[in-house]
N, C-alpha and C. Protein backbone atom coordinates (compact mmCIF):
# COMPACT_ATOMS: atom_id res chain seq x y z
N UNK A 1 -11.62 12.85 -14.95
CA UNK A 1 -12.37 11.66 -14.60
C UNK A 1 -11.45 10.44 -14.52
N UNK A 2 -10.47 10.41 -15.43
CA UNK A 2 -9.53 9.29 -15.43
C UNK A 2 -8.69 9.28 -14.16
N UNK A 3 -8.32 10.47 -13.70
CA UNK A 3 -7.53 10.55 -12.47
C UNK A 3 -8.33 10.05 -11.27
N UNK A 4 -9.60 10.39 -11.23
CA UNK A 4 -10.45 9.92 -10.14
C UNK A 4 -10.58 8.40 -10.18
N UNK A 5 -10.75 7.85 -11.38
CA UNK A 5 -10.84 6.40 -11.52
C UNK A 5 -9.55 5.73 -11.05
N UNK A 6 -8.41 6.26 -11.48
CA UNK A 6 -7.13 5.69 -11.05
C UNK A 6 -6.95 5.81 -9.54
N UNK A 7 -7.35 6.94 -8.98
CA UNK A 7 -7.24 7.12 -7.54
C UNK A 7 -8.11 6.14 -6.76
N UNK A 8 -9.35 5.96 -7.21
CA UNK A 8 -10.25 5.02 -6.54
C UNK A 8 -9.77 3.58 -6.69
N UNK A 9 -9.22 3.26 -7.86
CA UNK A 9 -8.68 1.92 -8.06
C UNK A 9 -7.52 1.67 -7.09
N UNK A 10 -6.66 2.65 -6.95
CA UNK A 10 -5.54 2.52 -6.02
C UNK A 10 -5.98 2.39 -4.57
N UNK A 11 -6.99 3.15 -4.20
CA UNK A 11 -7.53 3.05 -2.83
C UNK A 11 -8.10 1.65 -2.59
N UNK A 12 -8.83 1.14 -3.57
CA UNK A 12 -9.37 -0.22 -3.45
C UNK A 12 -8.27 -1.25 -3.34
N UNK A 13 -7.21 -1.07 -4.11
CA UNK A 13 -6.07 -1.99 -4.06
C UNK A 13 -5.40 -1.94 -2.70
N UNK A 14 -5.23 -0.75 -2.15
CA UNK A 14 -4.60 -0.61 -0.84
C UNK A 14 -5.46 -1.25 0.25
N UNK A 15 -6.76 -1.04 0.18
CA UNK A 15 -7.65 -1.63 1.19
C UNK A 15 -7.65 -3.14 1.09
N UNK A 16 -7.69 -3.67 -0.12
CA UNK A 16 -7.68 -5.13 -0.25
C UNK A 16 -6.36 -5.72 0.22
N UNK A 17 -5.26 -5.00 0.02
CA UNK A 17 -3.97 -5.48 0.52
C UNK A 17 -3.91 -5.55 2.03
N UNK A 18 -4.65 -4.69 2.69
CA UNK A 18 -4.67 -4.68 4.15
C UNK A 18 -5.61 -5.75 4.69
N UNK A 19 -6.63 -6.11 3.93
CA UNK A 19 -7.64 -7.04 4.44
C UNK A 19 -7.44 -8.49 4.02
N UNK A 20 -6.63 -8.75 3.00
CA UNK A 20 -6.38 -10.14 2.56
C UNK A 20 -5.40 -10.78 3.52
N UNK A 21 -5.62 -12.05 3.83
CA UNK A 21 -4.81 -12.76 4.82
C UNK A 21 -3.34 -12.84 4.41
N UNK A 22 -2.49 -12.88 5.41
CA UNK A 22 -1.05 -13.00 5.20
C UNK A 22 -0.69 -14.39 4.68
N UNK A 23 0.42 -14.51 3.95
CA UNK A 23 0.85 -15.84 3.52
C UNK A 23 1.39 -16.64 4.70
N UNK A 24 1.40 -17.95 4.55
CA UNK A 24 1.94 -18.81 5.60
C UNK A 24 3.45 -18.62 5.68
N UNK A 25 4.01 -18.56 6.88
CA UNK A 25 5.45 -18.36 7.02
C UNK A 25 6.23 -19.63 6.65
N UNK A 26 7.48 -19.46 6.27
CA UNK A 26 8.33 -20.59 5.92
C UNK A 26 8.64 -21.46 7.13
N UNK A 27 8.55 -20.89 8.32
CA UNK A 27 8.82 -21.65 9.54
C UNK A 27 7.71 -22.65 9.86
N UNK A 28 6.60 -22.58 9.13
CA UNK A 28 5.48 -23.49 9.36
C UNK A 28 4.36 -22.80 10.11
N UNK A 29 3.17 -23.36 10.03
CA UNK A 29 2.01 -22.80 10.72
C UNK A 29 1.35 -21.70 9.92
N UNK A 30 0.55 -20.92 10.60
CA UNK A 30 -0.14 -19.80 9.96
C UNK A 30 0.06 -18.55 10.81
N UNK A 31 -0.04 -17.41 10.18
CA UNK A 31 0.09 -16.13 10.89
C UNK A 31 -1.29 -15.72 11.43
N UNK A 32 -1.82 -16.52 12.29
CA UNK A 32 -3.13 -16.24 12.86
C UNK A 32 -3.43 -17.19 13.99
N UNK A 33 -4.44 -16.86 14.77
CA UNK A 33 -4.75 -17.70 15.93
C UNK A 33 -5.44 -19.01 15.58
N UNK A 34 -6.01 -19.12 14.39
CA UNK A 34 -6.75 -20.33 14.02
C UNK A 34 -6.02 -21.14 12.96
N UNK A 35 -6.81 -21.75 12.07
CA UNK A 35 -6.25 -22.57 11.00
C UNK A 35 -5.80 -21.75 9.80
N UNK A 36 -6.16 -20.49 9.75
CA UNK A 36 -5.79 -19.63 8.63
C UNK A 36 -5.07 -18.39 9.13
N UNK A 37 -4.34 -17.77 8.23
CA UNK A 37 -3.63 -16.54 8.59
C UNK A 37 -4.62 -15.39 8.72
N UNK A 38 -4.21 -14.38 9.45
CA UNK A 38 -5.07 -13.22 9.67
C UNK A 38 -4.68 -12.08 8.74
N UNK A 39 -5.49 -11.07 8.73
CA UNK A 39 -5.22 -9.88 7.92
C UNK A 39 -4.07 -9.10 8.53
N UNK A 40 -3.28 -8.41 7.70
CA UNK A 40 -2.15 -7.64 8.24
C UNK A 40 -2.54 -6.54 9.22
N UNK A 41 -3.70 -5.96 9.03
CA UNK A 41 -4.11 -4.88 9.93
C UNK A 41 -4.34 -5.42 11.35
N UNK A 42 -4.82 -6.65 11.46
CA UNK A 42 -5.02 -7.27 12.77
C UNK A 42 -3.67 -7.57 13.41
N UNK A 43 -2.76 -8.11 12.61
CA UNK A 43 -1.42 -8.44 13.15
C UNK A 43 -0.65 -7.19 13.54
N UNK A 44 -0.89 -6.09 12.84
CA UNK A 44 -0.18 -4.86 13.16
C UNK A 44 -0.65 -4.26 14.48
N UNK A 45 -1.96 -4.22 14.67
CA UNK A 45 -2.51 -3.60 15.88
C UNK A 45 -2.60 -4.55 17.07
N UNK A 46 -2.52 -5.86 16.82
CA UNK A 46 -2.58 -6.83 17.92
C UNK A 46 -1.56 -7.94 17.64
N UNK A 47 -0.28 -7.68 17.86
CA UNK A 47 0.76 -8.66 17.53
C UNK A 47 0.63 -9.98 18.28
N UNK A 48 -0.02 -9.97 19.41
CA UNK A 48 -0.19 -11.20 20.19
C UNK A 48 -1.10 -12.18 19.46
N UNK A 49 -1.92 -11.68 18.56
CA UNK A 49 -2.88 -12.55 17.86
C UNK A 49 -2.25 -13.41 16.78
N UNK A 50 -0.95 -13.32 16.59
CA UNK A 50 -0.28 -14.10 15.55
C UNK A 50 -0.51 -15.59 15.76
N UNK A 51 -0.63 -16.03 16.96
CA UNK A 51 -0.93 -17.44 17.22
C UNK A 51 0.31 -18.29 17.39
N UNK A 52 1.37 -17.72 17.86
CA UNK A 52 2.61 -18.48 18.04
C UNK A 52 2.64 -19.23 19.35
N UNK A 53 1.68 -18.96 20.18
CA UNK A 53 1.66 -19.62 21.48
C UNK A 53 2.61 -18.93 22.45
N UNK A 54 2.75 -19.48 23.63
CA UNK A 54 3.63 -18.84 24.62
C UNK A 54 5.09 -18.98 24.21
N UNK A 55 5.88 -18.02 24.65
CA UNK A 55 7.31 -18.02 24.32
C UNK A 55 7.98 -19.18 25.06
N UNK A 56 8.75 -20.01 24.34
CA UNK A 56 9.42 -21.14 25.01
C UNK A 56 10.45 -20.67 26.04
N UNK A 57 10.76 -21.54 26.95
CA UNK A 57 11.73 -21.22 28.00
C UNK A 57 13.11 -20.97 27.39
N UNK A 58 13.92 -20.19 28.09
CA UNK A 58 15.25 -19.84 27.59
C UNK A 58 16.14 -21.06 27.46
N UNK A 59 15.85 -22.11 28.23
CA UNK A 59 16.69 -23.31 28.18
C UNK A 59 16.45 -24.11 26.90
N UNK A 60 15.29 -23.97 26.29
CA UNK A 60 14.98 -24.70 25.05
C UNK A 60 15.36 -23.80 23.86
N UNK A 61 16.66 -23.78 23.57
CA UNK A 61 17.16 -22.83 22.56
C UNK A 61 16.63 -23.13 21.17
N UNK A 62 16.49 -24.39 20.80
CA UNK A 62 16.02 -24.72 19.45
C UNK A 62 14.56 -24.28 19.29
N UNK A 63 13.75 -24.57 20.31
CA UNK A 63 12.34 -24.16 20.26
C UNK A 63 12.21 -22.64 20.25
N UNK A 64 13.04 -22.00 21.05
CA UNK A 64 12.97 -20.54 21.12
C UNK A 64 13.41 -19.91 19.79
N UNK A 65 14.41 -20.47 19.16
CA UNK A 65 14.88 -19.96 17.87
C UNK A 65 13.79 -20.10 16.81
N UNK A 66 13.13 -21.26 16.80
CA UNK A 66 12.05 -21.48 15.84
C UNK A 66 10.87 -20.54 16.14
N UNK A 67 10.55 -20.36 17.40
CA UNK A 67 9.45 -19.46 17.77
C UNK A 67 9.76 -18.03 17.35
N UNK A 68 11.00 -17.57 17.60
CA UNK A 68 11.40 -16.23 17.21
C UNK A 68 11.35 -16.05 15.69
N UNK A 69 11.78 -17.07 14.94
CA UNK A 69 11.74 -16.99 13.47
C UNK A 69 10.30 -16.89 12.99
N UNK A 70 9.42 -17.67 13.60
CA UNK A 70 8.01 -17.66 13.22
C UNK A 70 7.37 -16.28 13.47
N UNK A 71 7.55 -15.78 14.67
CA UNK A 71 6.96 -14.49 15.04
C UNK A 71 7.55 -13.37 14.19
N UNK A 72 8.86 -13.41 13.99
CA UNK A 72 9.52 -12.37 13.20
C UNK A 72 9.03 -12.39 11.75
N UNK A 73 8.89 -13.57 11.17
CA UNK A 73 8.43 -13.66 9.79
C UNK A 73 6.99 -13.17 9.64
N UNK A 74 6.13 -13.55 10.56
CA UNK A 74 4.74 -13.09 10.50
C UNK A 74 4.63 -11.58 10.68
N UNK A 75 5.36 -11.05 11.65
CA UNK A 75 5.28 -9.61 11.91
C UNK A 75 5.91 -8.81 10.78
N UNK A 76 7.01 -9.30 10.22
CA UNK A 76 7.64 -8.62 9.09
C UNK A 76 6.73 -8.62 7.89
N UNK A 77 6.06 -9.74 7.65
CA UNK A 77 5.12 -9.82 6.54
C UNK A 77 3.97 -8.83 6.71
N UNK A 78 3.46 -8.73 7.92
CA UNK A 78 2.38 -7.78 8.20
C UNK A 78 2.86 -6.34 8.06
N UNK A 79 4.03 -6.05 8.58
CA UNK A 79 4.57 -4.68 8.48
C UNK A 79 4.81 -4.28 7.03
N UNK A 80 5.41 -5.18 6.25
CA UNK A 80 5.68 -4.87 4.85
C UNK A 80 4.40 -4.66 4.06
N UNK A 81 3.41 -5.50 4.30
CA UNK A 81 2.14 -5.35 3.58
C UNK A 81 1.47 -4.03 3.93
N UNK A 82 1.54 -3.64 5.20
CA UNK A 82 0.93 -2.36 5.61
C UNK A 82 1.68 -1.17 5.01
N UNK A 83 3.00 -1.25 4.94
CA UNK A 83 3.78 -0.15 4.35
C UNK A 83 3.50 0.00 2.86
N UNK A 84 3.40 -1.12 2.16
CA UNK A 84 3.09 -1.07 0.72
C UNK A 84 1.69 -0.50 0.52
N UNK A 85 0.74 -0.95 1.33
CA UNK A 85 -0.63 -0.44 1.22
C UNK A 85 -0.69 1.06 1.51
N UNK A 86 0.08 1.51 2.49
CA UNK A 86 0.11 2.94 2.79
C UNK A 86 0.71 3.74 1.62
N UNK A 87 1.76 3.22 1.03
CA UNK A 87 2.36 3.88 -0.13
C UNK A 87 1.39 3.97 -1.30
N UNK A 88 0.68 2.88 -1.57
CA UNK A 88 -0.30 2.87 -2.66
C UNK A 88 -1.42 3.85 -2.36
N UNK A 89 -1.85 3.90 -1.11
CA UNK A 89 -2.92 4.82 -0.73
C UNK A 89 -2.50 6.28 -0.92
N UNK A 90 -1.30 6.63 -0.51
CA UNK A 90 -0.82 8.01 -0.64
C UNK A 90 -0.69 8.40 -2.11
N UNK A 91 -0.11 7.53 -2.92
CA UNK A 91 0.04 7.82 -4.34
C UNK A 91 -1.33 7.95 -5.01
N UNK A 92 -2.27 7.09 -4.64
CA UNK A 92 -3.61 7.13 -5.23
C UNK A 92 -4.33 8.43 -4.90
N UNK A 93 -4.23 8.85 -3.67
CA UNK A 93 -4.87 10.12 -3.29
C UNK A 93 -4.21 11.28 -4.01
N UNK A 94 -2.89 11.25 -4.14
CA UNK A 94 -2.20 12.32 -4.87
C UNK A 94 -2.63 12.35 -6.34
N UNK A 95 -2.75 11.18 -6.96
CA UNK A 95 -3.18 11.12 -8.36
C UNK A 95 -4.59 11.67 -8.50
N UNK A 96 -5.47 11.28 -7.59
CA UNK A 96 -6.88 11.70 -7.68
C UNK A 96 -7.06 13.19 -7.39
N UNK A 97 -6.22 13.77 -6.55
CA UNK A 97 -6.40 15.17 -6.17
C UNK A 97 -5.52 16.10 -7.00
N UNK A 98 -4.24 15.77 -7.12
CA UNK A 98 -3.30 16.67 -7.78
C UNK A 98 -3.40 16.56 -9.30
N UNK A 99 -3.70 15.38 -9.82
CA UNK A 99 -3.80 15.19 -11.27
C UNK A 99 -4.75 16.16 -11.95
N UNK A 100 -6.00 16.24 -11.52
CA UNK A 100 -6.93 17.19 -12.15
C UNK A 100 -6.50 18.65 -11.99
N UNK A 101 -5.88 18.98 -10.88
CA UNK A 101 -5.43 20.36 -10.68
C UNK A 101 -4.36 20.72 -11.71
N UNK A 102 -3.41 19.81 -11.93
CA UNK A 102 -2.36 20.07 -12.92
C UNK A 102 -2.91 20.15 -14.33
N UNK A 103 -3.87 19.31 -14.65
CA UNK A 103 -4.47 19.34 -15.99
C UNK A 103 -5.22 20.65 -16.20
N UNK A 104 -5.96 21.09 -15.22
CA UNK A 104 -6.69 22.36 -15.34
C UNK A 104 -5.73 23.53 -15.54
N UNK A 105 -4.62 23.51 -14.83
CA UNK A 105 -3.64 24.59 -14.97
C UNK A 105 -3.06 24.63 -16.39
N UNK A 106 -2.78 23.47 -16.95
CA UNK A 106 -2.20 23.42 -18.29
C UNK A 106 -3.21 23.81 -19.35
N UNK A 107 -4.48 23.55 -19.09
CA UNK A 107 -5.51 23.85 -20.08
C UNK A 107 -5.87 25.33 -20.10
N UNK A 108 -5.62 26.04 -19.00
CA UNK A 108 -5.91 27.48 -18.97
C UNK A 108 -4.94 28.22 -19.89
N UNK A 109 -5.48 29.08 -20.68
CA UNK A 109 -4.65 29.87 -21.57
C UNK A 109 -4.17 31.09 -20.80
N UNK A 110 -2.86 31.31 -20.74
CA UNK A 110 -2.37 32.51 -20.06
C UNK A 110 -2.85 33.75 -20.81
N UNK A 111 -3.18 34.80 -20.08
CA UNK A 111 -3.70 36.01 -20.71
C UNK A 111 -2.60 36.69 -21.53
N UNK A 112 -2.99 37.22 -22.70
CA UNK A 112 -2.06 37.93 -23.54
C UNK A 112 -1.31 37.07 -24.52
N UNK A 113 -1.63 35.80 -24.60
CA UNK A 113 -0.95 34.95 -25.57
C UNK A 113 -1.91 34.58 -26.67
N UNK A 114 -1.39 34.47 -27.84
CA UNK A 114 -2.21 34.11 -29.00
C UNK A 114 -2.02 32.64 -29.31
N UNK A 115 -3.05 32.04 -29.85
CA UNK A 115 -2.96 30.65 -30.25
C UNK A 115 -2.38 30.50 -31.66
N UNK A 116 -2.21 31.61 -32.38
CA UNK A 116 -1.69 31.58 -33.74
C UNK A 116 -0.18 31.81 -33.67
N UNK A 117 0.57 30.98 -34.38
CA UNK A 117 2.01 31.13 -34.37
C UNK A 117 2.42 32.36 -35.18
N UNK A 118 3.65 32.77 -35.03
CA UNK A 118 4.12 33.97 -35.74
C UNK A 118 4.18 33.72 -37.24
N UNK A 119 4.45 32.51 -37.66
CA UNK A 119 4.49 32.20 -39.09
C UNK A 119 3.11 32.35 -39.69
N UNK A 120 2.09 31.78 -39.03
CA UNK A 120 0.73 31.90 -39.54
C UNK A 120 0.26 33.37 -39.53
N UNK A 121 0.72 34.11 -38.56
CA UNK A 121 0.33 35.51 -38.46
C UNK A 121 0.85 36.31 -39.67
N UNK A 122 2.08 36.03 -40.10
CA UNK A 122 2.64 36.73 -41.26
C UNK A 122 1.92 36.40 -42.54
N UNK A 123 1.45 35.18 -42.69
CA UNK A 123 0.77 34.77 -43.92
C UNK A 123 -0.62 35.34 -44.00
N UNK A 124 -1.23 35.62 -42.89
CA UNK A 124 -2.60 36.12 -42.88
C UNK A 124 -2.66 37.59 -43.32
N UNK A 125 -1.65 38.36 -43.05
CA UNK A 125 -1.72 39.80 -43.34
C UNK A 125 -0.99 40.13 -44.57
């Protein structure tokens, strides 16, 4: 039961990590089309929704550098959050499924073994 609880807790943690908005990038603005940042799952599947606006012209190198830094920071943040959430999800499922199987195996008594030690056996007879 404890393994199931830990597994469900981990799944909830992974889901909340995917749905909570991204932090604001150091370059300024938000990682979203509006006044607030978007969830990482949205940024992962629709990178255009980051809200950086159109790419500046190649002649405006300072603007283009800032735009690239902004987009890169938002996308990296979304990618990292999704990878961490995926890792938590996989570990949680493994704990919930494999944990009880291992405990059941250890609790089964192998056939032909006695629970009494050899020392106790000598004292009894």
